Amino acid sequence: MSFTVEDILLGISILLFLSILVSKSLGRLGVPALVLFLGVGILAGSEGIGGIYFDDAQTAQSLGTLALTLILFSGGLDTKWQSTRPVLWRGMALSTIGVFITAILVGFFVSYLLGFSLLEGLLLGAIVSSTDAAAVFSILRSRNIGLKNNLGPTLELESGSNDPMAYFLTVSFTFLLTNPTASIWELVPMFFLQMSVGALMGVVMGYVMAWTINRIKLEQDGLYPALTLAMVLFTFSFTNLINGNGFLAVYTASVILGNKNFIHKRSLTRFYDGLAWLMQILMFLTLGLLVFPSHVLPVLGVGLLVSLFLIFVARPISVFISMAFFKTSFKDKVYLSWVGLRGAVPIVFATYPMLAGLNRSDMIFNIVFFIVVTSVMLQGTTLKLMADWLGLSQAGDATKRLQLGEDLGYNSKNELVELQLGPGSSGVGKSLVELQLPKTSLIVLIDRAGRFVTPNGSTLLEAYDKLMVMVDNEDDLKRVREILM
């Protein structure tokens, strides 16, 4: 059956609308939106009510690669270096040592359980070894889950930086399986080459992006998203061309760019946030279409065993070994072990052995799919519950923050922060003079039930007031919160 362009666009629009509608309705019940997108894709597939036949692993892989590139870039733009710097090394340990240990443990377990060769088991382990950036970013940020001890930045840094390691292992084991005469020792120099070139290109392109955006002075503001998109795609593709890791380059560049001031920063960040959500939806819909439920059911039993081993054995062991080098409490390690969310990335990586024509590639793909669904449903729905149980929850930072001058490219450290007073806030009923705010902080505007009030020293604060507070640094903001909240 042939489809016209109009038919394809109609189908895409309906699937997008249904995905968003379903996520809005069922998301209130705690079901992760990513699983819902995947479910819509399955229902629309050849074995669902939609009847759309899709069996093109190459297209799915290409779309997944593009989507992951943009998701990593968007996540990096929102990564604050000030909160990431204290956890840099433990995040990197999880994204390298942790990924490697997870792949090895799952590989040996699968080879023993299913009678796979060791290389086939290691390939499956590599595919599911990394936590998923899309899943972690969306669940932690959309639900505003506040965590103590810098666990939030650690998890986001790990999920954003561990895909390059998992990608390298997946490609490497696929290469070894398709080239029996190749030696595993050939991969060691390749690993260091890919990672070093990727990191170097990321640093260079991060500074180049910031410099270009601030200096080019485009006449049409609408061209800035196109300009940055061109540089993002160039960073990924050119890094791969010179044998570097494109995913690492993109994430590194976005972190550097996101922590610099550049023209239209706020609008560009929002643009890529929306683009990342669109990529997540399209990626999960496509992968849902690629799945045949009748093929998944036969591996349900072994898939469940592998998934439980990954969640309760491999991930905890990898976390505890990785964190052995750092001062981390037992509860922190337990929570880090639990937040090992797998998402669309492992499913995308599972298409590599399919395209390589490996004998058990279909079985590997179906097992990986079941692992992903189990992980997101079991772990993704209990992140807040687990944090509360371990005593690691804290009020999420739901305040709106605007760095002054960022859209104009000014290098200003001042921020405008929105804080809302509750009925029991300590600042309610007090005048601004009584508050004794830090000298470098100032309440510049009050939103009182939709009416804006210009404050002065005698202005009394009321419950539910939204305060726009200008601060110089994080210490001032912390002190202001203590006084007002």
Protein backbone atom coordinates (compact mmCIF):
# COMPACT_ATOMS: atom_id res chain seq x y z
CA MET A 1 0.00 0.00 0.00
CA SER A 2 1.40 3.42 -0.98
CA PHE A 3 0.86 6.58 1.04
CA THR A 4 0.81 10.16 -0.16
CA VAL A 5 2.56 12.97 1.68
CA GLU A 6 -0.83 14.16 2.88
CA ASP A 7 -1.61 10.71 4.31
CA ILE A 8 1.70 10.60 6.19
CA LEU A 9 1.26 14.12 7.60
CA LEU A 10 -2.30 13.31 8.66
CA GLY A 11 -1.14 10.14 10.42
CA ILE A 12 1.71 11.96 12.18
CA SER A 13 -0.56 14.77 13.36
CA ILE A 14 -3.17 12.32 14.73
CA LEU A 15 -0.51 10.26 16.54
CA LEU A 16 1.09 13.39 18.03
CA PHE A 17 -2.27 14.69 19.21
CA LEU A 18 -3.26 11.33 20.72
CA SER A 19 0.11 11.01 22.48
CA ILE A 20 -0.17 14.41 24.11
CA LEU A 21 -3.84 13.87 25.01
CA VAL A 22 -3.13 10.45 26.56
CA SER A 23 -0.11 11.75 28.49
CA LYS A 24 -2.20 14.62 29.89
CA SER A 25 -4.99 12.27 30.97
CA LEU A 26 -3.07 9.27 32.32
CA GLY A 27 -0.03 11.25 33.45
CA ARG A 28 -2.04 12.38 36.47
CA LEU A 29 -2.11 8.75 37.62
CA GLY A 30 1.68 8.68 37.78
CA VAL A 31 2.25 6.78 34.52
CA PRO A 32 5.38 8.18 32.81
CA ALA A 33 4.55 10.03 29.60
CA LEU A 34 7.28 8.18 27.72
CA VAL A 35 5.55 4.83 28.24
CA LEU A 36 2.28 6.33 27.04
CA PHE A 37 3.94 7.57 23.84
CA LEU A 38 5.34 4.09 23.31
CA GLY A 39 1.90 2.58 23.92
CA VAL A 40 0.27 4.83 21.33
CA GLY A 41 2.89 3.71 18.80
CA ILE A 42 2.21 0.03 19.55
CA LEU A 43 -1.57 0.51 19.26
CA ALA A 44 -1.08 2.27 15.93
CA GLY A 45 1.21 -0.49 14.65
CA SER A 46 0.46 -3.47 12.43
CA GLU A 47 -0.74 -5.60 15.36
CA GLY A 48 -2.72 -2.77 16.95
CA ILE A 49 -5.92 -0.99 16.06
CA GLY A 50 -4.13 1.37 13.66
CA GLY A 51 -2.82 -1.34 11.37
CA ILE A 52 0.24 0.68 10.29
CA TYR A 53 2.94 -1.76 9.17
CA PHE A 54 6.41 -0.50 9.98
CA ASP A 55 9.49 -2.73 9.91
CA ASP A 56 12.28 -0.34 8.97
CA ALA A 57 15.05 -0.58 11.58
CA GLN A 58 17.27 1.78 9.56
CA THR A 59 14.71 4.60 9.66
CA ALA A 60 14.08 4.00 13.35
CA GLN A 61 17.82 4.12 14.09
CA SER A 62 18.33 7.30 12.06
CA LEU A 63 15.41 9.05 13.76
CA GLY A 64 16.58 7.81 17.15
CA THR A 65 20.10 9.13 16.57
CA LEU A 66 18.79 12.56 15.56
CA ALA A 67 16.36 12.62 18.49
CA LEU A 68 19.01 11.62 21.03
CA THR A 69 21.36 14.30 19.70
CA LEU A 70 18.76 17.04 20.21
CA ILE A 71 17.63 15.66 23.58
CA LEU A 72 21.21 15.65 24.86
CA PHE A 73 21.73 19.20 23.59
CA SER A 74 18.56 20.43 25.29
CA GLY A 75 19.48 18.66 28.54
CA GLY A 76 22.96 20.15 28.49
CA LEU A 77 21.60 23.68 28.02
CA ASP A 78 19.64 23.27 31.27
CA THR A 79 22.61 21.83 33.20
CA LYS A 80 23.95 24.39 35.66
CA TRP A 81 27.71 24.14 36.13
CA GLN A 82 27.43 25.58 39.63
CA SER A 83 25.37 22.59 40.78
CA THR A 84 27.14 20.04 38.55
CA ARG A 85 30.74 20.91 39.43
CA PRO A 86 30.65 19.40 42.98
CA VAL A 87 29.42 16.06 41.57
CA LEU A 88 31.41 16.04 38.33
CA TRP A 89 33.72 13.14 39.13
CA ARG A 90 31.14 10.88 40.72
CA GLY A 91 28.81 11.51 37.79
CA MET A 92 31.60 10.62 35.37
CA ALA A 93 32.42 7.49 37.40
CA LEU A 94 28.81 6.33 37.06
CA SER A 95 28.75 7.09 33.34
CA THR A 96 31.95 5.16 32.57
CA ILE A 97 32.84 2.60 35.25
CA GLY A 98 29.18 2.06 36.14
CA VAL A 99 28.15 1.49 32.52
CA PHE A 100 31.04 -0.93 31.93
CA ILE A 101 30.32 -3.00 35.07
CA THR A 102 26.59 -3.13 34.24
CA ALA A 103 27.32 -4.38 30.73
CA ILE A 104 29.70 -7.07 32.00
CA LEU A 105 27.35 -8.35 34.73
CA VAL A 106 24.29 -8.46 32.47
CA GLY A 107 26.38 -10.06 29.72
CA PHE A 108 27.51 -12.95 31.89
CA PHE A 109 24.00 -13.43 33.31
CA VAL A 110 22.38 -13.50 29.86
CA SER A 111 24.98 -15.88 28.43
CA TYR A 112 24.36 -18.25 31.38
CA LEU A 113 20.55 -17.91 31.34
CA LEU A 114 19.86 -18.05 27.62
CA GLY A 115 22.81 -19.99 26.30
CA PHE A 116 24.07 -16.96 24.36
CA SER A 117 27.74 -16.77 23.49
CA LEU A 118 29.65 -14.48 25.81
CA LEU A 119 29.93 -11.80 23.11
CA GLU A 120 26.18 -11.94 22.41
CA GLY A 121 25.48 -11.61 26.13
CA LEU A 122 27.90 -8.68 26.43
CA LEU A 123 26.23 -7.01 23.44
CA LEU A 124 22.83 -7.19 25.14
CA GLY A 125 24.41 -5.93 28.36
CA ALA A 126 26.00 -3.00 26.53
CA ILE A 127 22.69 -2.06 24.91
CA VAL A 128 20.91 -1.72 28.28
CA SER A 129 23.91 -0.45 30.25
CA SER A 130 23.17 3.28 30.18
CA THR A 131 20.43 5.21 31.90
CA ASP A 132 18.25 7.17 29.50
CA ALA A 133 18.62 10.94 29.29
CA ALA A 134 15.09 11.47 27.96
CA ALA A 135 13.53 9.43 30.76
CA VAL A 136 15.60 10.96 33.57
CA PHE A 137 15.31 14.57 32.37
CA SER A 138 11.57 14.36 31.76
CA ILE A 139 10.62 12.57 34.99
CA LEU A 140 12.90 14.46 37.40
CA ARG A 141 12.22 17.89 35.90
CA SER A 142 8.56 17.59 34.91
CA ARG A 143 7.56 16.24 38.33
CA ASN A 144 9.85 18.69 40.15
CA ILE A 145 11.37 15.94 42.33
CA GLY A 146 13.64 17.64 44.85
CA LEU A 147 16.55 15.55 46.16
CA LYS A 148 19.11 16.14 48.89
CA ASN A 149 22.90 15.75 48.66
CA ASN A 150 23.12 16.88 45.02
CA LEU A 151 21.53 13.64 43.85
CA GLY A 152 19.50 15.43 41.17
CA PRO A 153 22.54 16.94 39.39
CA THR A 154 24.38 13.61 39.75
CA LEU A 155 21.59 11.66 38.05
CA GLU A 156 21.18 14.23 35.27
CA LEU A 157 24.93 14.36 34.64
CA GLU A 158 25.14 10.58 34.56
CA SER A 159 22.21 10.17 32.17
CA GLY A 160 23.51 12.89 29.87
CA SER A 161 27.08 11.59 29.72
CA ASN A 162 26.75 7.79 29.82
CA ASP A 163 25.22 7.28 26.36
CA PRO A 164 28.63 7.70 24.65
CA MET A 165 30.07 4.80 26.69
CA ALA A 166 27.07 2.55 25.99
CA TYR A 167 27.19 3.50 22.30
CA PHE A 168 30.87 2.62 22.09
CA LEU A 169 30.35 -0.75 23.77
CA THR A 170 27.34 -1.57 21.57
CA VAL A 171 29.15 -0.75 18.34
CA SER A 172 32.30 -2.53 19.54
CA PHE A 173 30.60 -5.82 20.46
CA THR A 174 28.59 -5.71 17.22
CA PHE A 175 31.87 -5.26 15.34
CA LEU A 176 33.45 -8.23 17.14
CA LEU A 177 30.47 -10.46 16.38
CA THR A 178 30.51 -9.58 12.69
CA ASN A 179 34.32 -9.88 12.49
CA PRO A 180 35.32 -13.08 14.30
CA THR A 181 39.03 -12.57 13.55
CA ALA A 182 39.11 -9.13 15.24
CA SER A 183 40.67 -8.79 18.68
CA ILE A 184 39.10 -7.04 21.62
CA TRP A 185 42.41 -5.29 22.25
CA GLU A 186 41.93 -3.36 19.03
CA LEU A 187 39.09 -1.53 20.75
CA VAL A 188 41.17 -0.05 23.59
CA PRO A 189 42.97 2.64 21.53
CA MET A 190 39.70 3.24 19.64
CA PHE A 191 37.93 3.96 22.94
CA PHE A 192 40.44 6.56 24.07
CA LEU A 193 40.50 8.12 20.60
CA GLN A 194 36.70 8.44 20.41
CA MET A 195 36.30 9.84 23.92
CA SER A 196 39.20 12.30 23.74
CA VAL A 197 38.23 13.58 20.29
CA GLY A 198 34.58 13.83 21.36
CA ALA A 199 35.40 15.76 24.53
CA LEU A 200 37.83 18.08 22.71
CA MET A 201 35.35 18.81 19.92
CA GLY A 202 32.63 19.44 22.50
CA VAL A 203 34.75 22.00 24.34
CA VAL A 204 35.79 23.73 21.11
CA MET A 205 32.26 23.83 19.67
CA GLY A 206 30.79 25.04 22.96
CA TYR A 207 32.95 28.17 22.82
CA VAL A 208 32.47 28.51 19.05
CA MET A 209 28.68 28.39 19.43
CA ALA A 210 28.65 31.09 22.12
CA TRP A 211 31.04 33.32 20.14
CA THR A 212 29.12 32.87 16.88
CA ILE A 213 25.68 33.55 18.37
CA ASN A 214 26.88 36.77 20.04
CA ARG A 215 28.89 38.07 17.08
CA ILE A 216 26.90 37.17 13.97
CA LYS A 217 24.16 39.82 14.51
CA LEU A 218 21.43 38.30 12.34
CA GLU A 219 18.76 40.69 11.09
CA GLN A 220 15.96 38.17 11.68
CA ASP A 221 15.64 36.82 15.23
CA GLY A 222 13.89 33.73 13.91
CA LEU A 223 17.16 32.59 12.30
CA TYR A 224 18.95 32.01 15.61
CA PRO A 225 17.29 28.61 16.26
CA ALA A 226 18.25 27.55 12.73
CA LEU A 227 21.81 28.76 13.30
CA THR A 228 22.23 26.80 16.53
CA LEU A 229 20.58 23.71 15.01
CA ALA A 230 23.10 23.82 12.16
CA MET A 231 25.97 24.00 14.65
CA VAL A 232 24.55 21.14 16.75
CA LEU A 233 24.22 18.84 13.73
CA PHE A 234 27.68 19.86 12.53
CA THR A 235 29.16 19.07 15.94
CA PHE A 236 27.69 15.57 15.96
CA SER A 237 28.38 14.65 12.33
CA PHE A 238 31.87 16.17 12.04
CA THR A 239 32.98 14.59 15.32
CA ASN A 240 31.87 11.19 14.04
CA LEU A 241 33.64 11.90 10.75
CA ILE A 242 36.98 12.35 12.53
CA ASN A 243 36.42 9.19 14.62
CA GLY A 244 35.20 10.96 17.75
CA ASN A 245 32.08 10.30 19.81
CA GLY A 246 29.41 12.65 18.51
CA PHE A 247 27.05 12.21 21.47
CA LEU A 248 29.77 13.21 23.93
CA ALA A 249 30.70 16.21 21.78
CA VAL A 250 27.11 17.48 21.61
CA TYR A 251 26.48 17.12 25.34
CA THR A 252 29.79 18.75 26.29
CA ALA A 253 29.20 21.64 23.89
CA SER A 254 25.68 22.22 25.21
CA VAL A 255 26.83 22.29 28.84
CA ILE A 256 29.50 24.88 28.00
CA LEU A 257 27.07 26.95 25.93
CA GLY A 258 24.32 26.73 28.56
CA ASN A 259 26.61 28.20 31.21
CA LYS A 260 27.58 31.21 29.10
CA ASN A 261 25.58 34.31 28.30
CA PHE A 262 24.46 34.64 24.72
CA ILE A 263 21.82 36.51 22.74
CA HIS A 264 18.27 35.12 23.00
CA LYS A 265 19.39 32.56 25.57
CA ARG A 266 15.98 32.20 27.20
CA SER A 267 14.05 31.87 23.94
CA LEU A 268 16.58 29.42 22.47
CA THR A 269 16.51 27.29 25.62
CA ARG A 270 12.71 27.14 25.42
CA PHE A 271 12.87 26.32 21.72
CA TYR A 272 15.16 23.34 22.31
CA ASP A 273 13.13 22.22 25.30
CA GLY A 274 10.05 22.02 23.06
CA LEU A 275 12.08 20.41 20.27
CA ALA A 276 13.41 17.80 22.71
CA TRP A 277 9.86 16.89 23.77
CA LEU A 278 8.85 16.59 20.11
CA MET A 279 11.84 14.32 19.46
CA GLN A 280 10.95 12.18 22.48
CA ILE A 281 7.38 11.74 21.24
CA LEU A 282 8.43 10.92 17.67
CA MET A 283 11.15 8.56 18.86
CA PHE A 284 8.87 6.59 21.17
CA LEU A 285 6.07 6.53 18.58
CA THR A 286 8.45 5.19 15.93
CA LEU A 287 9.90 2.57 18.25
CA GLY A 288 6.36 1.60 19.28
CA LEU A 289 5.50 1.06 15.61
CA LEU A 290 8.63 -1.06 15.23
CA VAL A 291 7.57 -3.42 18.03
CA PHE A 292 5.47 -6.50 17.28
CA PRO A 293 3.73 -7.60 20.52
CA SER A 294 3.42 -11.17 19.27
CA HIS A 295 7.23 -11.33 19.09
CA VAL A 296 7.67 -9.88 22.59
CA LEU A 297 5.33 -12.31 24.38
CA PRO A 298 7.52 -15.41 23.84
CA VAL A 299 10.45 -13.71 25.61
CA LEU A 300 8.34 -12.29 28.45
CA GLY A 301 9.67 -14.75 31.02
CA VAL A 302 13.36 -14.36 30.26
CA GLY A 303 12.88 -10.64 29.71
CA LEU A 304 11.46 -10.31 33.20
CA LEU A 305 14.38 -12.25 34.71
CA VAL A 306 16.97 -10.13 32.89
CA SER A 307 15.13 -6.93 33.84
CA LEU A 308 14.97 -7.89 37.53
CA PHE A 309 18.66 -8.86 37.48
CA LEU A 310 19.52 -5.48 35.94
CA ILE A 311 17.42 -3.51 38.44
CA PHE A 312 18.22 -5.38 41.65
CA VAL A 313 21.72 -6.78 41.03
CA ALA A 314 23.71 -5.27 38.16
CA ARG A 315 22.76 -1.62 38.68
CA PRO A 316 23.30 -1.64 42.49
CA ILE A 317 26.68 -3.41 42.18
CA SER A 318 27.86 -0.95 39.52
CA VAL A 319 26.74 2.03 41.63
CA PHE A 320 28.35 0.80 44.85
CA ILE A 321 31.65 0.04 43.08
CA SER A 322 31.64 3.38 41.21
CA MET A 323 30.82 5.31 44.38
CA ALA A 324 33.48 3.52 46.44
CA PHE A 325 35.90 6.27 45.44
CA PHE A 326 33.70 9.03 46.84
CA LYS A 327 32.17 10.02 50.15
CA THR A 328 28.58 8.95 49.56
CA SER A 329 26.09 7.72 52.14
CA PHE A 330 24.50 4.28 51.95
CA LYS A 331 21.06 5.81 51.34
CA ASP A 332 22.42 7.91 48.47
CA LYS A 333 23.88 4.80 46.85
CA VAL A 334 20.59 2.94 47.25
CA TYR A 335 18.68 5.76 45.56
CA LEU A 336 21.23 6.08 42.76
CA SER A 337 20.84 2.33 42.26
CA TRP A 338 17.08 2.66 41.96
CA VAL A 339 17.12 5.51 39.44
CA GLY A 340 18.61 3.37 36.67
CA LEU A 341 15.91 4.29 34.20
CA ARG A 342 16.10 2.71 30.77
CA GLY A 343 14.22 4.40 27.95
CA ALA A 344 14.26 4.74 24.18
CA VAL A 345 18.06 4.82 23.85
CA PRO A 346 18.51 1.07 24.52
CA ILE A 347 15.79 0.32 21.96
CA VAL A 348 17.61 2.51 19.41
CA PHE A 349 20.91 0.77 20.21
CA ALA A 350 19.15 -2.60 19.79
CA THR A 351 18.67 -1.78 16.10
CA TYR A 352 22.45 -1.93 15.51
CA PRO A 353 22.68 -5.75 15.71
CA MET A 354 19.50 -5.95 13.60
CA LEU A 355 21.09 -3.90 10.82
CA ALA A 356 24.31 -5.92 11.17
CA GLY A 357 22.29 -9.08 10.47
CA LEU A 358 23.25 -10.92 13.68
CA ASN A 359 21.44 -14.22 14.23
CA ARG A 360 19.77 -13.40 17.53
CA SER A 361 19.20 -9.71 16.87
CA ASP A 362 15.38 -10.04 16.89
CA MET A 363 15.43 -11.80 20.25
CA ILE A 364 17.82 -9.18 21.65
CA PHE A 365 15.54 -6.38 20.42
CA ASN A 366 12.44 -7.89 22.04
CA ILE A 367 14.20 -8.54 25.35
CA VAL A 368 15.53 -4.96 25.39
CA PHE A 369 12.05 -3.62 24.71
CA PHE A 370 10.62 -5.58 27.64
CA ILE A 371 13.46 -4.37 29.91
CA VAL A 372 12.73 -0.75 28.99
CA VAL A 373 9.01 -1.02 29.69
CA THR A 374 9.64 -2.78 33.00
CA SER A 375 12.23 -0.22 34.07
CA VAL A 376 10.16 2.87 33.28
CA MET A 377 6.97 1.43 34.77
CA LEU A 378 8.56 0.06 37.95
CA GLN A 379 11.27 2.61 38.64
CA GLY A 380 9.85 5.65 36.88
CA THR A 381 6.60 5.59 38.85
CA THR A 382 8.31 5.18 42.24
CA LEU A 383 11.10 7.79 42.16
CA LYS A 384 9.30 10.13 44.57
CA LEU A 385 8.13 7.27 46.76
CA MET A 386 11.64 5.86 47.07
CA ALA A 387 13.11 9.28 47.83
CA ASP A 388 10.53 9.81 50.60
CA TRP A 389 11.19 6.33 52.03
CA LEU A 390 14.95 6.97 52.17
CA GLY A 391 14.48 10.45 53.61
CA LEU A 392 16.15 12.10 50.63
CA SER A 393 13.24 14.27 49.45
CA GLN A 394 13.23 18.01 49.71
CA ALA A 395 11.02 20.69 48.29
CA GLY A 396 11.67 20.96 44.59
CA ASP A 397 12.85 24.29 43.22
CA ALA A 398 9.73 25.32 41.34
CA THR A 399 10.74 28.98 41.24
CA LYS A 400 11.12 30.80 37.95
CA ARG A 401 14.58 32.25 37.37
CA LEU A 402 15.78 34.77 34.82
CA GLN A 403 19.40 35.78 34.44
CA LEU A 404 19.34 39.50 33.76
CA GLY A 405 20.70 40.49 30.37
CA GLU A 406 20.95 36.91 29.10
CA ASP A 407 18.80 37.51 26.02
CA LEU A 408 21.07 40.44 25.11
CA GLY A 409 24.27 38.51 25.73
CA TYR A 410 25.35 40.60 28.74
CA ASN A 411 27.74 38.94 31.18
CA SER A 412 25.69 39.58 34.31
CA LYS A 413 25.55 37.40 37.43
CA ASN A 414 22.32 39.00 38.66
CA GLU A 415 19.20 36.86 38.59
CA LEU A 416 15.54 37.71 38.89
CA VAL A 417 13.82 34.95 40.88
CA GLU A 418 10.11 34.44 41.46
CA LEU A 419 9.15 33.28 44.97
CA GLN A 420 5.58 32.68 46.13
CA LEU A 421 4.61 33.05 49.78
CA GLY A 422 2.35 30.45 51.36
CA PRO A 423 -0.07 31.03 54.27
CA GLY A 424 2.55 29.83 56.73
CA SER A 425 5.55 31.65 55.25
CA SER A 426 7.62 33.56 57.78
CA GLY A 427 7.57 36.72 55.66
CA VAL A 428 3.76 37.09 55.69
CA GLY A 429 2.57 40.14 57.66
CA LYS A 430 6.01 41.76 57.75
CA SER A 431 7.13 44.93 56.05
CA LEU A 432 10.14 44.90 53.75
CA VAL A 433 12.12 46.89 56.30
CA GLU A 434 11.52 44.24 58.95
CA LEU A 435 12.77 41.43 56.72
CA GLN A 436 16.42 42.55 56.77
CA LEU A 437 17.21 41.04 53.38
CA PRO A 438 20.86 40.87 52.24
CA LYS A 439 22.09 44.21 50.93
CA THR A 440 22.72 42.71 47.49
CA SER A 441 19.10 41.47 47.24
CA LEU A 442 16.02 43.49 46.35
CA ILE A 443 12.28 42.79 45.96
CA VAL A 444 11.53 44.69 42.77
CA LEU A 445 7.90 43.72 42.13
CA ILE A 446 4.98 41.98 43.85
CA ASP A 447 2.21 40.14 41.98
CA ARG A 448 -0.80 40.23 44.32
CA ALA A 449 -3.72 38.30 42.84
CA GLY A 450 -2.99 39.62 39.36
CA ARG A 451 -2.39 43.19 40.54
CA PHE A 452 1.20 44.40 40.42
CA VAL A 453 2.52 46.32 43.40
CA THR A 454 5.70 48.40 43.36
CA PRO A 455 7.13 47.79 46.84
CA ASN A 456 8.73 50.19 49.26
CA GLY A 457 10.07 49.79 52.79
CA SER A 458 6.63 49.94 54.42
CA THR A 459 4.92 47.43 52.09
CA LEU A 460 3.42 44.52 54.05
CA LEU A 461 3.68 41.09 52.52
CA GLU A 462 0.56 38.94 52.23
CA ALA A 463 -0.08 35.23 51.77
CA TYR A 464 0.11 34.05 48.15
CA ASP A 465 2.14 37.08 47.07
CA LYS A 466 4.48 36.35 44.17
CA LEU A 467 7.72 38.23 44.71
CA MET A 468 10.21 39.09 41.99
CA VAL A 469 13.54 39.17 43.84
CA MET A 470 16.85 40.28 42.33
CA VAL A 471 19.86 38.44 43.78
CA ASP A 472 23.59 38.37 43.06
CA ASN A 473 24.43 34.76 43.85
CA GLU A 474 23.17 31.42 45.20
CA ASP A 475 24.16 32.28 48.79
CA ASP A 476 21.98 35.40 48.70
CA LEU A 477 19.08 33.41 47.25
CA LYS A 478 19.41 30.80 49.99
CA ARG A 479 19.38 33.53 52.65
CA VAL A 480 16.33 35.22 51.06
CA ARG A 481 14.45 31.91 51.05
CA GLU A 482 15.25 31.39 54.74
CA ILE A 483 13.89 34.84 55.60
CA LEU A 484 10.76 34.74 53.43
CA MET A 485 9.69 31.10 53.34
